[in-house]
Amino acid sequence: MKKLDFIILIFLFICSLLVKSSFGFRFLFLFYASLIIYKNIVLKADKNKFFKFLKKICKLGYCLFFFSFIIVEGIILKDILVNRNNSPKVKYLIVLGAGLKGDIPSEVLKYRLNKAVKYFKENPDTIFIVSGGQGKDELISEAEAMEIYLSERGIPIKNIIKEDKSTSTYENLKFSDKIIKEKEITGDIAVMFNSFHMYRVKMISKKLNFPLKTVYAETPAIVFPNYMLREYFAFFNEYRKKEV
């Protein structure tokens, strides 16, 4: 391994440990490591049939990855561009949770909540279902943190319903659907999430046979590439799941 390659690997590895929500750095570390391995395979391919075969397999793998990456990211970006200005008037709006810093909503979650506040000003009869359980590093449930944030910004407590047991997007929708059925809620229902994740939210809602309209919240520009990269892998993982 060349000295420069080693330095780059160490840099990416340290970044993956130090940077919160560092999926992008972890991916770059693994991808760069794979390129170093591939370079060594190429050097040995002319002298060894096994490495020649391995070289072909690696090239095929890289081609499949890049081709599928372009398609999936294109699907997600098209969905964002077409639907990001959606603002359907609904009686109930489900706001999905995200990580907290103790008991404070993360920056990504604040984008959703601020969008919810703006939506309420335009539609003051809306009832919000805030959905999110309590993570291991969180002092309170995401639902409670969202309720506090929204109530401090003018949305009455009576307009907020908490779902505080879910630990994934799938459970967010499943448990919210359960609340809706228990309360015999009727009328149009929408779900709000950051733009990068909404295509997969719609995939899950179809699995659950839970028809929803959508309200897209913006995503902080600094973390958008990281989340878009993560969505590529989550997209295929969602197809793999059989749960209903």
C-alpha atoms as a PDB file:
ATOM      1  CA  MET A   1       0.000   0.000   0.000  1.00  0.00           C
ATOM      2  CA  LYS A   2       1.321   3.433  -0.931  1.00  0.00           C
ATOM      3  CA  LYS A   3       1.878   5.987   1.815  1.00  0.00           C
ATOM      4  CA  LEU A   4      -0.753   8.357   0.372  1.00  0.00           C
ATOM      5  CA  ASP A   5      -3.355   5.575   0.289  1.00  0.00           C
ATOM      6  CA  PHE A   6      -2.604   4.756   3.907  1.00  0.00           C
ATOM      7  CA  ILE A   7      -2.954   8.416   4.972  1.00  0.00           C
ATOM      8  CA  ILE A   8      -6.290   8.771   3.143  1.00  0.00           C
ATOM      9  CA  LEU A   9      -7.621   5.574   4.739  1.00  0.00           C
ATOM     10  CA  ILE A  10      -6.623   6.719   8.223  1.00  0.00           C
ATOM     11  CA  PHE A  11      -8.217  10.136   7.620  1.00  0.00           C
ATOM     12  CA  LEU A  12     -11.507   8.599   6.461  1.00  0.00           C
ATOM     13  CA  PHE A  13     -11.497   6.122   9.347  1.00  0.00           C
ATOM     14  CA  ILE A  14     -10.973   8.886  11.932  1.00  0.00           C
ATOM     15  CA  CYS A  15     -13.721  10.999  10.347  1.00  0.00           C
ATOM     16  CA  SER A  16     -16.103   8.028  10.453  1.00  0.00           C
ATOM     17  CA  LEU A  17     -15.475   7.750  14.203  1.00  0.00           C
ATOM     18  CA  LEU A  18     -15.621  11.439  15.082  1.00  0.00           C
ATOM     19  CA  VAL A  19     -18.362  12.810  12.829  1.00  0.00           C
ATOM     20  CA  LYS A  20     -21.909  12.187  13.989  1.00  0.00           C
ATOM     21  CA  SER A  21     -24.215  10.756  11.302  1.00  0.00           C
ATOM     22  CA  SER A  22     -21.033   9.769   9.463  1.00  0.00           C
ATOM     23  CA  PHE A  23     -22.483   7.147   7.125  1.00  0.00           C
ATOM     24  CA  GLY A  24     -20.865   8.958   4.207  1.00  0.00           C
ATOM     25  CA  PHE A  25     -17.374   8.744   5.727  1.00  0.00           C
ATOM     26  CA  ARG A  26     -17.837   5.063   6.611  1.00  0.00           C
ATOM     27  CA  PHE A  27     -18.896   4.340   3.055  1.00  0.00           C
ATOM     28  CA  LEU A  28     -15.953   6.298   1.600  1.00  0.00           C
ATOM     29  CA  PHE A  29     -13.554   4.428   3.898  1.00  0.00           C
ATOM     30  CA  LEU A  30     -14.846   1.030   2.762  1.00  0.00           C
ATOM     31  CA  PHE A  31     -15.059   2.076  -0.890  1.00  0.00           C
ATOM     32  CA  TYR A  32     -11.512   3.456  -0.929  1.00  0.00           C
ATOM     33  CA  ALA A  33     -10.255   0.297   0.793  1.00  0.00           C
ATOM     34  CA  SER A  34     -11.955  -1.776  -1.917  1.00  0.00           C
ATOM     35  CA  LEU A  35     -10.196   0.280  -4.609  1.00  0.00           C
ATOM     36  CA  ILE A  36      -6.815  -0.402  -2.997  1.00  0.00           C
ATOM     37  CA  ILE A  37      -7.590  -4.126  -2.965  1.00  0.00           C
ATOM     38  CA  TYR A  38      -8.745  -3.913  -6.584  1.00  0.00           C
ATOM     39  CA  LYS A  39      -5.485  -2.221  -7.639  1.00  0.00           C
ATOM     40  CA  ASN A  40      -3.527  -5.103  -6.121  1.00  0.00           C
ATOM     41  CA  ILE A  41      -5.747  -7.624  -7.907  1.00  0.00           C
ATOM     42  CA  VAL A  42      -5.110  -5.844 -11.239  1.00  0.00           C
ATOM     43  CA  LEU A  43      -1.335  -6.026 -10.697  1.00  0.00           C
ATOM     44  CA  LYS A  44      -1.532  -9.795 -10.238  1.00  0.00           C
ATOM     45  CA  ALA A  45      -4.159 -10.483 -12.920  1.00  0.00           C
ATOM     46  CA  ASP A  46      -1.664 -10.939 -15.792  1.00  0.00           C
ATOM     47  CA  LYS A  47       0.254 -13.651 -13.945  1.00  0.00           C
ATOM     48  CA  ASN A  48      -2.535 -15.581 -12.248  1.00  0.00           C
ATOM     49  CA  LYS A  49      -5.808 -16.949 -13.684  1.00  0.00           C
ATOM     50  CA  PHE A  50      -7.592 -16.687 -10.344  1.00  0.00           C
ATOM     51  CA  PHE A  51      -6.787 -12.973 -10.008  1.00  0.00           C
ATOM     52  CA  LYS A  52      -7.756 -12.451 -13.653  1.00  0.00           C
ATOM     53  CA  PHE A  53     -11.166 -13.955 -12.884  1.00  0.00           C
ATOM     54  CA  LEU A  54     -11.392 -11.899  -9.673  1.00  0.00           C
ATOM     55  CA  LYS A  55     -10.615  -8.747 -11.654  1.00  0.00           C
ATOM     56  CA  LYS A  56     -13.614  -9.416 -13.935  1.00  0.00           C
ATOM     57  CA  ILE A  57     -15.887 -10.015 -10.943  1.00  0.00           C
ATOM     58  CA  CYS A  58     -14.747  -6.749  -9.339  1.00  0.00           C
ATOM     59  CA  LYS A  59     -15.308  -4.778 -12.547  1.00  0.00           C
ATOM     60  CA  LEU A  60     -18.790  -6.244 -12.855  1.00  0.00           C
ATOM     61  CA  GLY A  61     -19.514  -5.368  -9.217  1.00  0.00           C
ATOM     62  CA  TYR A  62     -18.381  -1.762  -9.658  1.00  0.00           C
ATOM     63  CA  CYS A  63     -20.461  -1.410 -12.843  1.00  0.00           C
ATOM     64  CA  LEU A  64     -23.575  -2.797 -11.160  1.00  0.00           C
ATOM     65  CA  PHE A  65     -23.074  -0.509  -8.173  1.00  0.00           C
ATOM     66  CA  PHE A  66     -22.628   2.676 -10.223  1.00  0.00           C
ATOM     67  CA  PHE A  67     -25.503   1.817 -12.575  1.00  0.00           C
ATOM     68  CA  SER A  68     -27.935   1.014  -9.745  1.00  0.00           C
ATOM     69  CA  PHE A  69     -26.755   4.031  -7.737  1.00  0.00           C
ATOM     70  CA  ILE A  70     -27.564   6.415 -10.590  1.00  0.00           C
ATOM     71  CA  ILE A  71     -31.014   4.846 -11.083  1.00  0.00           C
ATOM     72  CA  VAL A  72     -32.013   4.840  -7.395  1.00  0.00           C
ATOM     73  CA  GLU A  73     -30.718   8.337  -6.689  1.00  0.00           C
ATOM     74  CA  GLY A  74     -32.461   9.535  -9.846  1.00  0.00           C
ATOM     75  CA  ILE A  75     -35.776   8.053  -8.672  1.00  0.00           C
ATOM     76  CA  ILE A  76     -35.458   9.736  -5.269  1.00  0.00           C
ATOM     77  CA  LEU A  77     -34.375  13.110  -6.689  1.00  0.00           C
ATOM     78  CA  LYS A  78     -37.202  13.075  -9.232  1.00  0.00           C
ATOM     79  CA  ASP A  79     -39.688  12.365  -6.433  1.00  0.00           C
ATOM     80  CA  ILE A  80     -38.315  15.327  -4.459  1.00  0.00           C
ATOM     81  CA  LEU A  81     -38.400  17.727  -7.414  1.00  0.00           C
ATOM     82  CA  VAL A  82     -41.948  16.750  -8.419  1.00  0.00           C
ATOM     83  CA  ASN A  83     -43.506  16.681  -4.942  1.00  0.00           C
ATOM     84  CA  ARG A  84     -41.497  18.991  -2.673  1.00  0.00           C
ATOM     85  CA  ASN A  85     -44.066  21.793  -2.895  1.00  0.00           C
ATOM     86  CA  ASN A  86     -47.008  19.549  -2.018  1.00  0.00           C
ATOM     87  CA  SER A  87     -49.212  21.096   0.650  1.00  0.00           C
ATOM     88  CA  PRO A  88     -52.500  19.158   0.708  1.00  0.00           C
ATOM     89  CA  LYS A  89     -55.097  20.387   3.186  1.00  0.00           C
ATOM     90  CA  VAL A  90     -55.764  17.516   5.589  1.00  0.00           C
ATOM     91  CA  LYS A  91     -57.378  17.052   8.985  1.00  0.00           C
ATOM     92  CA  TYR A  92     -54.561  14.911  10.375  1.00  0.00           C
ATOM     93  CA  LEU A  93     -50.838  15.236   9.728  1.00  0.00           C
ATOM     94  CA  ILE A  94     -48.359  12.609  10.951  1.00  0.00           C
ATOM     95  CA  VAL A  95     -44.931  14.065  11.771  1.00  0.00           C
ATOM     96  CA  LEU A  96     -42.282  11.352  11.959  1.00  0.00           C
ATOM     97  CA  GLY A  97     -39.554  11.592  14.576  1.00  0.00           C
ATOM     98  CA  ALA A  98     -35.764  11.665  14.350  1.00  0.00           C
ATOM     99  CA  GLY A  99     -32.887  11.703  16.799  1.00  0.00           C
ATOM    100  CA  LEU A 100     -32.715  13.999  19.811  1.00  0.00           C
ATOM    101  CA  LYS A 101     -29.755  15.617  21.515  1.00  0.00           C
ATOM    102  CA  GLY A 102     -30.803  14.747  25.046  1.00  0.00           C
ATOM    103  CA  ASP A 103     -34.289  16.239  24.939  1.00  0.00           C
ATOM    104  CA  ILE A 104     -33.707  18.724  22.101  1.00  0.00           C
ATOM    105  CA  PRO A 105     -34.767  17.916  18.514  1.00  0.00           C
ATOM    106  CA  SER A 106     -31.907  17.423  16.066  1.00  0.00           C
ATOM    107  CA  GLU A 107     -31.438  19.905  13.237  1.00  0.00           C
ATOM    108  CA  VAL A 108     -33.080  17.547  10.736  1.00  0.00           C
ATOM    109  CA  LEU A 109     -36.106  17.112  13.014  1.00  0.00           C
ATOM    110  CA  LYS A 110     -36.365  20.876  13.549  1.00  0.00           C
ATOM    111  CA  TYR A 111     -36.833  21.301   9.794  1.00  0.00           C
ATOM    112  CA  ARG A 112     -39.892  19.022  10.000  1.00  0.00           C
ATOM    113  CA  LEU A 113     -41.276  20.717  13.079  1.00  0.00           C
ATOM    114  CA  ASN A 114     -40.820  24.212  11.666  1.00  0.00           C
ATOM    115  CA  LYS A 115     -42.647  23.052   8.544  1.00  0.00           C
ATOM    116  CA  ALA A 116     -45.432  21.727  10.808  1.00  0.00           C
ATOM    117  CA  VAL A 117     -45.704  25.116  12.546  1.00  0.00           C
ATOM    118  CA  LYS A 118     -45.934  26.852   9.173  1.00  0.00           C
ATOM    119  CA  TYR A 119     -48.564  24.332   8.043  1.00  0.00           C
ATOM    120  CA  PHE A 120     -50.616  24.958  11.204  1.00  0.00           C
ATOM    121  CA  LYS A 121     -50.647  28.715  10.598  1.00  0.00           C
ATOM    122  CA  GLU A 122     -52.206  28.048   7.199  1.00  0.00           C
ATOM    123  CA  ASN A 123     -54.460  25.226   8.464  1.00  0.00           C
ATOM    124  CA  PRO A 124     -55.315  25.923  12.143  1.00  0.00           C
ATOM    125  CA  ASP A 125     -57.759  23.012  12.455  1.00  0.00           C
ATOM    126  CA  THR A 126     -55.070  20.416  11.763  1.00  0.00           C
ATOM    127  CA  ILE A 127     -54.428  17.666  14.309  1.00  0.00           C
ATOM    128  CA  PHE A 128     -50.799  16.507  14.457  1.00  0.00           C
ATOM    129  CA  ILE A 129     -49.791  12.943  15.271  1.00  0.00           C
ATOM    130  CA  VAL A 130     -46.173  13.151  16.448  1.00  0.00           C
ATOM    131  CA  SER A 131     -44.547   9.741  16.172  1.00  0.00           C
ATOM    132  CA  GLY A 132     -41.299   8.566  17.742  1.00  0.00           C
ATOM    133  CA  GLY A 133     -40.122   6.482  20.694  1.00  0.00           C
ATOM    134  CA  GLN A 134     -37.171   7.017  23.036  1.00  0.00           C
ATOM    135  CA  GLY A 135     -33.658   6.108  21.864  1.00  0.00           C
ATOM    136  CA  LYS A 136     -30.909   4.918  24.189  1.00  0.00           C
ATOM    137  CA  ASP A 137     -29.177   8.331  24.255  1.00  0.00           C
ATOM    138  CA  GLU A 138     -32.404  10.330  24.512  1.00  0.00           C
ATOM    139  CA  LEU A 139     -33.795  11.719  27.774  1.00  0.00           C
ATOM    140  CA  ILE A 140     -37.408  11.679  26.600  1.00  0.00           C
ATOM    141  CA  SER A 141     -39.326  10.184  23.695  1.00  0.00           C
ATOM    142  CA  GLU A 142     -39.127  11.903  20.328  1.00  0.00           C
ATOM    143  CA  ALA A 143     -42.912  12.313  20.423  1.00  0.00           C
ATOM    144  CA  GLU A 144     -42.717  14.217  23.716  1.00  0.00           C
ATOM    145  CA  ALA A 145     -39.886  16.420  22.449  1.00  0.00           C
ATOM    146  CA  MET A 146     -41.906  17.214  19.332  1.00  0.00           C
ATOM    147  CA  GLU A 147     -44.999  18.005  21.387  1.00  0.00           C
ATOM    148  CA  ILE A 148     -42.994  20.440  23.540  1.00  0.00           C
ATOM    149  CA  TYR A 149     -41.385  22.091  20.499  1.00  0.00           C
ATOM    150  CA  LEU A 150     -44.697  22.540  18.675  1.00  0.00           C
ATOM    151  CA  SER A 151     -46.635  23.746  21.730  1.00  0.00           C
ATOM    152  CA  GLU A 152     -43.948  26.352  22.477  1.00  0.00           C
ATOM    153  CA  ARG A 153     -44.490  27.708  18.976  1.00  0.00           C
ATOM    154  CA  GLY A 154     -48.226  28.144  19.182  1.00  0.00           C
ATOM    155  CA  ILE A 155     -49.792  24.772  18.402  1.00  0.00           C
ATOM    156  CA  PRO A 156     -52.264  23.889  21.195  1.00  0.00           C
ATOM    157  CA  ILE A 157     -51.732  20.617  23.082  1.00  0.00           C
ATOM    158  CA  LYS A 158     -55.289  19.620  22.114  1.00  0.00           C
ATOM    159  CA  ASN A 159     -54.131  19.592  18.487  1.00  0.00           C
ATOM    160  CA  ILE A 160     -51.334  17.092  19.186  1.00  0.00           C
ATOM    161  CA  ILE A 161     -51.572  13.307  19.556  1.00  0.00           C
ATOM    162  CA  LYS A 162     -48.468  11.414  20.714  1.00  0.00           C
ATOM    163  CA  GLU A 163     -47.288   8.028  19.468  1.00  0.00           C
ATOM    164  CA  ASP A 164     -44.230   7.278  21.616  1.00  0.00           C
ATOM    165  CA  LYS A 165     -43.467   3.572  21.118  1.00  0.00           C
ATOM    166  CA  SER A 166     -42.024   3.385  17.595  1.00  0.00           C
ATOM    167  CA  THR A 167     -38.335   2.804  16.881  1.00  0.00           C
ATOM    168  CA  SER A 168     -38.306   2.836  13.058  1.00  0.00           C
ATOM    169  CA  THR A 169     -40.095   4.426  10.123  1.00  0.00           C
ATOM    170  CA  TYR A 170     -42.045   1.204   9.654  1.00  0.00           C
ATOM    171  CA  GLU A 171     -43.253   1.342  13.277  1.00  0.00           C
ATOM    172  CA  ASN A 172     -43.934   5.095  12.994  1.00  0.00           C
ATOM    173  CA  LEU A 173     -46.502   4.403  10.304  1.00  0.00           C
ATOM    174  CA  LYS A 174     -47.807   1.130  11.713  1.00  0.00           C
ATOM    175  CA  PHE A 175     -48.426   2.515  15.217  1.00  0.00           C
ATOM    176  CA  SER A 176     -49.847   5.785  13.867  1.00  0.00           C
ATOM    177  CA  ASP A 177     -52.237   3.764  11.713  1.00  0.00           C
ATOM    178  CA  LYS A 178     -53.271   1.847  14.844  1.00  0.00           C
ATOM    179  CA  ILE A 179     -54.050   5.109  16.681  1.00  0.00           C
ATOM    180  CA  ILE A 180     -56.083   6.345  13.723  1.00  0.00           C
ATOM    181  CA  LYS A 181     -58.144   3.145  13.665  1.00  0.00           C
ATOM    182  CA  GLU A 182     -58.642   3.114  17.451  1.00  0.00           C
ATOM    183  CA  LYS A 183     -59.848   6.718  17.440  1.00  0.00           C
ATOM    184  CA  GLU A 184     -61.968   6.023  14.351  1.00  0.00           C
ATOM    185  CA  ILE A 185     -60.398   8.988  12.619  1.00  0.00           C
ATOM    186  CA  THR A 186     -61.867   9.805   9.221  1.00  0.00           C
ATOM    187  CA  GLY A 187     -60.838  12.177   6.482  1.00  0.00           C
ATOM    188  CA  ASP A 188     -57.619  12.766   4.581  1.00  0.00           C
ATOM    189  CA  ILE A 189     -54.346  12.050   6.363  1.00  0.00           C
ATOM    190  CA  ALA A 190     -50.858  13.179   5.367  1.00  0.00           C
ATOM    191  CA  VAL A 191     -47.364  12.335   6.537  1.00  0.00           C
ATOM    192  CA  MET A 192     -44.473  14.781   6.898  1.00  0.00           C
ATOM    193  CA  PHE A 193     -40.807  13.911   6.588  1.00  0.00           C
ATOM    194  CA  ASN A 194     -37.624  15.394   5.160  1.00  0.00           C
ATOM    195  CA  SER A 195     -37.448  15.197   1.387  1.00  0.00           C
ATOM    196  CA  PHE A 196     -34.639  12.619   1.128  1.00  0.00           C
ATOM    197  CA  HIS A 197     -36.638   9.929   2.951  1.00  0.00           C
ATOM    198  CA  MET A 198     -40.145  10.487   1.625  1.00  0.00           C
ATOM    199  CA  TYR A 199     -39.960   8.061  -1.306  1.00  0.00           C
ATOM    200  CA  ARG A 200     -39.210   5.214   1.108  1.00  0.00           C
ATOM    201  CA  VAL A 201     -41.958   6.403   3.469  1.00  0.00           C
ATOM    202  CA  LYS A 202     -44.398   5.986   0.584  1.00  0.00           C
ATOM    203  CA  MET A 203     -43.019   2.501  -0.092  1.00  0.00           C
ATOM    204  CA  ILE A 204     -43.712   1.520   3.518  1.00  0.00           C
ATOM    205  CA  SER A 205     -47.208   3.036   3.535  1.00  0.00           C
ATOM    206  CA  LYS A 206     -48.080   0.919   0.488  1.00  0.00           C
ATOM    207  CA  LYS A 207     -46.879  -2.209   2.298  1.00  0.00           C
ATOM    208  CA  LEU A 208     -49.148  -1.332   5.205  1.00  0.00           C
ATOM    209  CA  ASN A 209     -52.065  -0.489   2.903  1.00  0.00           C
ATOM    210  CA  PHE A 210     -52.109   2.886   4.655  1.00  0.00           C
ATOM    211  CA  PRO A 211     -52.951   5.567   2.036  1.00  0.00           C
ATOM    212  CA  LEU A 212     -51.306   8.877   2.861  1.00  0.00           C
ATOM    213  CA  LYS A 213     -50.833  12.254   1.258  1.00  0.00           C
ATOM    214  CA  THR A 214     -47.401  13.818   1.663  1.00  0.00           C
ATOM    215  CA  VAL A 215     -45.905  17.056   2.945  1.00  0.00           C
ATOM    216  CA  TYR A 216     -42.182  17.416   2.243  1.00  0.00           C
ATOM    217  CA  ALA A 217     -39.904  19.215   4.687  1.00  0.00           C
ATOM    218  CA  GLU A 218     -36.548  20.528   3.512  1.00  0.00           C
ATOM    219  CA  THR A 219     -33.262  18.851   4.486  1.00  0.00           C
ATOM    220  CA  PRO A 220     -30.232  20.790   5.804  1.00  0.00           C
ATOM    221  CA  ALA A 221     -27.871  21.154   2.837  1.00  0.00           C
ATOM    222  CA  ILE A 222     -24.800  20.077   4.814  1.00  0.00           C
ATOM    223  CA  VAL A 223     -26.233  16.615   5.571  1.00  0.00           C
ATOM    224  CA  PHE A 224     -28.224  16.087   2.360  1.00  0.00           C
ATOM    225  CA  PRO A 225     -25.451  14.139   0.515  1.00  0.00           C
ATOM    226  CA  ASN A 226     -24.922  11.880   3.538  1.00  0.00           C
ATOM    227  CA  TYR A 227     -28.624  11.022   3.799  1.00  0.00           C
ATOM    228  CA  MET A 228     -29.014  10.542   0.052  1.00  0.00           C
ATOM    229  CA  LEU A 229     -26.143   8.057   0.068  1.00  0.00           C
ATOM    230  CA  ARG A 230     -27.719   6.191   2.975  1.00  0.00           C
ATOM    231  CA  GLU A 231     -31.078   6.077   1.196  1.00  0.00           C
ATOM    232  CA  TYR A 232     -29.504   4.108  -1.665  1.00  0.00           C
ATOM    233  CA  PHE A 233     -28.835   1.161   0.637  1.00  0.00           C
ATOM    234  CA  ALA A 234     -32.074   1.644   2.595  1.00  0.00           C
ATOM    235  CA  PHE A 235     -34.019   1.529  -0.690  1.00  0.00           C
ATOM    236  CA  PHE A 236     -32.901  -2.045  -1.417  1.00  0.00           C
ATOM    237  CA  ASN A 237     -33.270  -3.043   2.213  1.00  0.00           C
ATOM    238  CA  GLU A 238     -36.906  -1.944   2.092  1.00  0.00           C
ATOM    239  CA  TYR A 239     -37.579  -4.162  -0.919  1.00  0.00           C
ATOM    240  CA  ARG A 240     -35.986  -7.071   0.928  1.00  0.00           C
ATOM    241  CA  LYS A 241     -38.275  -6.803   3.951  1.00  0.00           C
ATOM    242  CA  LYS A 242     -41.403  -8.916   4.050  1.00  0.00           C
ATOM    243  CA  GLU A 243     -43.017  -7.469   7.200  1.00  0.00           C
ATOM    244  CA  VAL A 244     -46.583  -6.175   6.994  1.00  0.00           C
END
